[in-house]
Amino acid sequence: MITKIDIMDKGTSAKKMLMNEEIHLKLGYIGIVNRAQEDIINKVPVDVALRREIEFFNKHQDYRDIPERYLGTRSLTSKLSELLVEAIKRSLPDIMKQIEEKLDELRHDLEEMGTPPPASGREKSNFLMGLITDFSNDYKNTLSGKYVANSKTISSEEIGRGAVIKGKFKSIF
């Protein structure tokens, strides 16, 4: 990209560069006229600066014959938008695939978690009381060293540890 064409030395021209004839770039060049620091300080509105930019290119003997797609902030904005859309189109299938994979993973996790907790207040209280009761029973069974066949939370390894804990409690207390 070439910027600040309006402050190039008199007699120099960026026409060949803009036409991609000197140093070839795959995406080419777009010449723009940035707002000067003075314009920024004086709070010159952007639309006024854009009109001045168009006037500059239309009046300048070296640039007035160059096709519009090579000149101006609007052309640059348009070109960058096109490039962004192309990049999104290229990336979208991979992004969608990643989203689908993550959704499948989350669906699997949800299935492993079982049925969701109840929604109503009364059902929530009953559900919570059931969990507390199950936990309390499992904890007592673990401490006493008893194996409960239909227990959902106690493994045989934990039962062995429970017996050790119970032994420690007996010896201390």
C-alpha atoms as a PDB file:
ATOM      1  CA  MET A   1       0.000   0.000   0.000  1.00  0.00           C
ATOM      2  CA  ILE A   2       1.117   3.523  -0.659  1.00  0.00           C
ATOM      3  CA  THR A   3       0.019   6.285   1.642  1.00  0.00           C
ATOM      4  CA  LYS A   4       0.473  10.032   1.711  1.00  0.00           C
ATOM      5  CA  ILE A   5       0.763  10.355  -2.062  1.00  0.00           C
ATOM      6  CA  ASP A   6      -0.187  14.002  -1.692  1.00  0.00           C
ATOM      7  CA  ILE A   7       3.082  14.877   0.062  1.00  0.00           C
ATOM      8  CA  MET A   8       5.436  13.220  -2.415  1.00  0.00           C
ATOM      9  CA  ASP A   9       8.057  15.515  -3.914  1.00  0.00           C
ATOM     10  CA  LYS A  10       7.004  17.414  -7.020  1.00  0.00           C
ATOM     11  CA  GLY A  11       7.837  15.510 -10.171  1.00  0.00           C
ATOM     12  CA  THR A  12       7.671  12.089  -8.561  1.00  0.00           C
ATOM     13  CA  SER A  13       4.861   9.744  -9.404  1.00  0.00           C
ATOM     14  CA  ALA A  14       3.570   6.545  -7.889  1.00  0.00           C
ATOM     15  CA  LYS A  15       1.595   5.643 -11.012  1.00  0.00           C
ATOM     16  CA  LYS A  16       3.764   2.656 -12.014  1.00  0.00           C
ATOM     17  CA  MET A  17       3.734   1.413  -8.432  1.00  0.00           C
ATOM     18  CA  LEU A  18      -0.038   1.727  -8.182  1.00  0.00           C
ATOM     19  CA  MET A  19      -0.461  -0.123 -11.465  1.00  0.00           C
ATOM     20  CA  ASN A  20       1.692  -2.920  -9.961  1.00  0.00           C
ATOM     21  CA  GLU A  21       4.351  -2.463 -12.665  1.00  0.00           C
ATOM     22  CA  GLU A  22       7.457  -1.783 -10.540  1.00  0.00           C
ATOM     23  CA  ILE A  23       7.443  -4.143  -7.582  1.00  0.00           C
ATOM     24  CA  HIS A  24       4.745  -6.699  -8.205  1.00  0.00           C
ATOM     25  CA  LEU A  25       2.536  -7.601  -5.277  1.00  0.00           C
ATOM     26  CA  LYS A  26      -0.021 -10.400  -5.473  1.00  0.00           C
ATOM     27  CA  LEU A  27      -2.778  -8.135  -4.143  1.00  0.00           C
ATOM     28  CA  GLY A  28      -1.450  -4.967  -5.752  1.00  0.00           C
ATOM     29  CA  TYR A  29      -1.418  -1.463  -4.328  1.00  0.00           C
ATOM     30  CA  ILE A  30      -4.032   1.078  -3.407  1.00  0.00           C
ATOM     31  CA  GLY A  31      -2.994   4.703  -3.050  1.00  0.00           C
ATOM     32  CA  ILE A  32      -4.691   6.721  -0.356  1.00  0.00           C
ATOM     33  CA  VAL A  33      -4.400  10.210   1.066  1.00  0.00           C
ATOM     34  CA  ASN A  34      -4.384  10.093   4.858  1.00  0.00           C
ATOM     35  CA  ARG A  35      -5.675  12.957   6.907  1.00  0.00           C
ATOM     36  CA  ALA A  36      -2.865  15.296   7.868  1.00  0.00           C
ATOM     37  CA  GLN A  37      -2.070  15.847  11.528  1.00  0.00           C
ATOM     38  CA  GLU A  38      -3.405  19.384  11.104  1.00  0.00           C
ATOM     39  CA  ASP A  39      -6.748  17.949   9.889  1.00  0.00           C
ATOM     40  CA  ILE A  40      -6.918  15.722  12.936  1.00  0.00           C
ATOM     41  CA  ILE A  41      -6.097  18.601  15.296  1.00  0.00           C
ATOM     42  CA  ASN A  42      -8.715  20.781  13.571  1.00  0.00           C
ATOM     43  CA  LYS A  43     -11.210  17.924  13.778  1.00  0.00           C
ATOM     44  CA  VAL A  44     -11.856  17.833  10.033  1.00  0.00           C
ATOM     45  CA  PRO A  45     -14.702  15.310   9.605  1.00  0.00           C
ATOM     46  CA  VAL A  46     -13.847  12.041   7.900  1.00  0.00           C
ATOM     47  CA  ASP A  47     -16.388  12.606   5.118  1.00  0.00           C
ATOM     48  CA  VAL A  48     -14.708  15.929   4.273  1.00  0.00           C
ATOM     49  CA  ALA A  49     -11.288  14.256   4.223  1.00  0.00           C
ATOM     50  CA  LEU A  50     -12.649  11.522   1.929  1.00  0.00           C
ATOM     51  CA  ARG A  51     -14.035  14.161  -0.477  1.00  0.00           C
ATOM     52  CA  ARG A  52     -10.637  15.933  -0.491  1.00  0.00           C
ATOM     53  CA  GLU A  53      -8.948  12.605  -1.245  1.00  0.00           C
ATOM     54  CA  ILE A  54     -11.217  12.003  -4.257  1.00  0.00           C
ATOM     55  CA  GLU A  55     -10.648  15.582  -5.477  1.00  0.00           C
ATOM     56  CA  PHE A  56      -6.878  15.113  -5.184  1.00  0.00           C
ATOM     57  CA  PHE A  57      -6.874  11.987  -7.345  1.00  0.00           C
ATOM     58  CA  ASN A  58      -9.347  13.440  -9.882  1.00  0.00           C
ATOM     59  CA  LYS A  59      -7.308  16.646 -10.349  1.00  0.00           C
ATOM     60  CA  HIS A  60      -3.763  15.240 -10.227  1.00  0.00           C
ATOM     61  CA  GLN A  61      -2.324  14.769 -13.740  1.00  0.00           C
ATOM     62  CA  ASP A  62      -0.576  11.474 -12.841  1.00  0.00           C
ATOM     63  CA  TYR A  63      -3.504   9.810 -11.080  1.00  0.00           C
ATOM     64  CA  ARG A  64      -6.698  11.016 -12.747  1.00  0.00           C
ATOM     65  CA  ASP A  65      -6.486   8.309 -15.477  1.00  0.00           C
ATOM     66  CA  ILE A  66      -5.820   5.448 -13.050  1.00  0.00           C
ATOM     67  CA  PRO A  67      -8.827   3.144 -12.532  1.00  0.00           C
ATOM     68  CA  GLU A  68     -10.754   3.911  -9.349  1.00  0.00           C
ATOM     69  CA  ARG A  69     -10.020   0.472  -7.817  1.00  0.00           C
ATOM     70  CA  TYR A  70      -6.364   1.528  -7.315  1.00  0.00           C
ATOM     71  CA  LEU A  71      -7.089   4.795  -5.527  1.00  0.00           C
ATOM     72  CA  GLY A  72      -8.719   5.998  -2.341  1.00  0.00           C
ATOM     73  CA  THR A  73      -9.742   4.944   1.103  1.00  0.00           C
ATOM     74  CA  ARG A  74     -13.099   3.660  -0.171  1.00  0.00           C
ATOM     75  CA  SER A  75     -11.305   1.323  -2.603  1.00  0.00           C
ATOM     76  CA  LEU A  76      -9.008   0.165   0.187  1.00  0.00           C
ATOM     77  CA  THR A  77     -11.979  -0.456   2.474  1.00  0.00           C
ATOM     78  CA  SER A  78     -13.781  -2.373  -0.250  1.00  0.00           C
ATOM     79  CA  LYS A  79     -10.693  -4.472  -1.083  1.00  0.00           C
ATOM     80  CA  LEU A  80     -10.042  -5.291   2.578  1.00  0.00           C
ATOM     81  CA  SER A  81     -13.695  -6.240   3.063  1.00  0.00           C
ATOM     82  CA  GLU A  82     -13.525  -8.593   0.072  1.00  0.00           C
ATOM     83  CA  LEU A  83     -10.351 -10.180   1.436  1.00  0.00           C
ATOM     84  CA  LEU A  84     -11.968 -10.612   4.843  1.00  0.00           C
ATOM     85  CA  VAL A  85     -15.045 -12.259   3.326  1.00  0.00           C
ATOM     86  CA  GLU A  86     -12.830 -14.619   1.300  1.00  0.00           C
ATOM     87  CA  ALA A  87     -10.833 -15.525   4.413  1.00  0.00           C
ATOM     88  CA  ILE A  88     -14.031 -16.183   6.357  1.00  0.00           C
ATOM     89  CA  LYS A  89     -15.398 -18.360   3.543  1.00  0.00           C
ATOM     90  CA  ARG A  90     -12.162 -20.383   3.525  1.00  0.00           C
ATOM     91  CA  SER A  91     -12.128 -20.760   7.302  1.00  0.00           C
ATOM     92  CA  LEU A  92     -15.828 -21.363   7.870  1.00  0.00           C
ATOM     93  CA  PRO A  93     -15.888 -25.104   7.019  1.00  0.00           C
ATOM     94  CA  ASP A  94     -13.107 -25.800   9.537  1.00  0.00           C
ATOM     95  CA  ILE A  95     -14.787 -23.658  12.170  1.00  0.00           C
ATOM     96  CA  MET A  96     -18.107 -25.430  11.598  1.00  0.00           C
ATOM     97  CA  LYS A  97     -16.360 -28.805  11.860  1.00  0.00           C
ATOM     98  CA  GLN A  98     -14.754 -27.797  15.164  1.00  0.00           C
ATOM     99  CA  ILE A  99     -18.108 -26.599  16.480  1.00  0.00           C
ATOM    100  CA  GLU A 100     -19.790 -29.879  15.491  1.00  0.00           C
ATOM    101  CA  GLU A 101     -17.014 -31.897  17.149  1.00  0.00           C
ATOM    102  CA  LYS A 102     -17.348 -29.844  20.336  1.00  0.00           C
ATOM    103  CA  LEU A 103     -21.140 -30.230  20.276  1.00  0.00           C
ATOM    104  CA  ASP A 104     -20.794 -34.006  19.887  1.00  0.00           C
ATOM    105  CA  GLU A 105     -18.348 -34.054  22.787  1.00  0.00           C
ATOM    106  CA  LEU A 106     -20.716 -32.015  24.960  1.00  0.00           C
ATOM    107  CA  ARG A 107     -23.712 -34.177  24.003  1.00  0.00           C
ATOM    108  CA  HIS A 108     -21.721 -37.235  25.046  1.00  0.00           C
ATOM    109  CA  ASP A 109     -20.795 -35.562  28.345  1.00  0.00           C
ATOM    110  CA  LEU A 110     -24.459 -34.718  28.960  1.00  0.00           C
ATOM    111  CA  GLU A 111     -25.482 -38.326  28.282  1.00  0.00           C
ATOM    112  CA  GLU A 112     -22.888 -39.543  30.791  1.00  0.00           C
ATOM    113  CA  MET A 113     -24.276 -37.164  33.416  1.00  0.00           C
ATOM    114  CA  GLY A 114     -27.693 -38.786  33.249  1.00  0.00           C
ATOM    115  CA  THR A 115     -31.009 -37.067  33.670  1.00  0.00           C
ATOM    116  CA  PRO A 116     -30.923 -33.403  34.622  1.00  0.00           C
ATOM    117  CA  PRO A 117     -32.034 -32.273  38.069  1.00  0.00           C
ATOM    118  CA  PRO A 118     -35.706 -31.386  38.453  1.00  0.00           C
ATOM    119  CA  ALA A 119     -36.978 -27.919  37.633  1.00  0.00           C
ATOM    120  CA  SER A 120     -39.637 -27.162  40.258  1.00  0.00           C
ATOM    121  CA  GLY A 121     -38.836 -26.026  43.797  1.00  0.00           C
ATOM    122  CA  ARG A 122     -40.367 -29.049  45.528  1.00  0.00           C
ATOM    123  CA  GLU A 123     -38.681 -31.503  43.164  1.00  0.00           C
ATOM    124  CA  LYS A 124     -35.354 -29.710  43.689  1.00  0.00           C
ATOM    125  CA  SER A 125     -35.686 -30.043  47.472  1.00  0.00           C
ATOM    126  CA  ASN A 126     -36.521 -33.755  47.218  1.00  0.00           C
ATOM    127  CA  PHE A 127     -33.663 -34.314  44.782  1.00  0.00           C
ATOM    128  CA  LEU A 128     -31.187 -32.507  47.056  1.00  0.00           C
ATOM    129  CA  MET A 129     -32.374 -34.400  50.141  1.00  0.00           C
ATOM    130  CA  GLY A 130     -31.944 -37.676  48.220  1.00  0.00           C
ATOM    131  CA  LEU A 131     -28.378 -36.741  47.261  1.00  0.00           C
ATOM    132  CA  ILE A 132     -27.536 -35.776  50.841  1.00  0.00           C
ATOM    133  CA  THR A 133     -29.027 -39.036  52.152  1.00  0.00           C
ATOM    134  CA  ASP A 134     -27.144 -41.124  49.558  1.00  0.00           C
ATOM    135  CA  PHE A 135     -23.895 -39.310  50.349  1.00  0.00           C
ATOM    136  CA  SER A 136     -24.404 -39.724  54.088  1.00  0.00           C
ATOM    137  CA  ASN A 137     -25.125 -43.450  53.730  1.00  0.00           C
ATOM    138  CA  ASP A 138     -22.162 -43.954  51.411  1.00  0.00           C
ATOM    139  CA  TYR A 139     -19.880 -42.093  53.819  1.00  0.00           C
ATOM    140  CA  LYS A 140     -21.067 -44.175  56.806  1.00  0.00           C
ATOM    141  CA  ASN A 141     -20.596 -47.389  54.823  1.00  0.00           C
ATOM    142  CA  THR A 142     -17.131 -46.288  53.745  1.00  0.00           C
ATOM    143  CA  LEU A 143     -16.094 -45.555  57.324  1.00  0.00           C
ATOM    144  CA  SER A 144     -17.490 -48.848  58.608  1.00  0.00           C
ATOM    145  CA  GLY A 145     -15.779 -50.792  55.815  1.00  0.00           C
ATOM    146  CA  LYS A 146     -19.057 -52.196  54.481  1.00  0.00           C
ATOM    147  CA  TYR A 147     -19.435 -52.803  50.781  1.00  0.00           C
ATOM    148  CA  VAL A 148     -22.803 -51.741  49.380  1.00  0.00           C
ATOM    149  CA  ALA A 149     -23.476 -53.539  46.074  1.00  0.00           C
ATOM    150  CA  ASN A 150     -25.889 -50.987  44.672  1.00  0.00           C
ATOM    151  CA  SER A 151     -23.895 -47.938  45.767  1.00  0.00           C
ATOM    152  CA  LYS A 152     -23.220 -45.494  42.971  1.00  0.00           C
ATOM    153  CA  THR A 153     -20.259 -43.712  44.530  1.00  0.00           C
ATOM    154  CA  ILE A 154     -18.174 -46.238  46.507  1.00  0.00           C
ATOM    155  CA  SER A 155     -15.489 -48.258  44.745  1.00  0.00           C
ATOM    156  CA  SER A 156     -13.891 -51.313  46.334  1.00  0.00           C
ATOM    157  CA  GLU A 157     -10.653 -49.340  46.683  1.00  0.00           C
ATOM    158  CA  GLU A 158     -12.478 -46.625  48.652  1.00  0.00           C
ATOM    159  CA  ILE A 159     -13.991 -49.256  50.936  1.00  0.00           C
ATOM    160  CA  GLY A 160     -10.496 -50.432  51.864  1.00  0.00           C
ATOM    161  CA  ARG A 161      -9.515 -46.867  52.686  1.00  0.00           C
ATOM    162  CA  GLY A 162     -12.709 -46.491  54.715  1.00  0.00           C
ATOM    163  CA  ALA A 163     -11.734 -49.435  56.900  1.00  0.00           C
ATOM    164  CA  VAL A 164      -8.302 -47.867  57.482  1.00  0.00           C
ATOM    165  CA  ILE A 165      -9.918 -44.549  58.451  1.00  0.00           C
ATOM    166  CA  LYS A 166     -12.295 -46.354  60.816  1.00  0.00           C
ATOM    167  CA  GLY A 167      -9.341 -48.133  62.431  1.00  0.00           C
ATOM    168  CA  LYS A 168      -7.526 -44.815  62.944  1.00  0.00           C
ATOM    169  CA  PHE A 169     -10.628 -43.275  64.544  1.00  0.00           C
ATOM    170  CA  LYS A 170     -10.975 -46.260  66.930  1.00  0.00           C
ATOM    171  CA  SER A 171      -7.339 -46.104  67.993  1.00  0.00           C
ATOM    172  CA  ILE A 172      -7.420 -42.339  68.570  1.00  0.00           C
ATOM    173  CA  PHE A 173     -10.866 -42.013  70.178  1.00  0.00           C
END
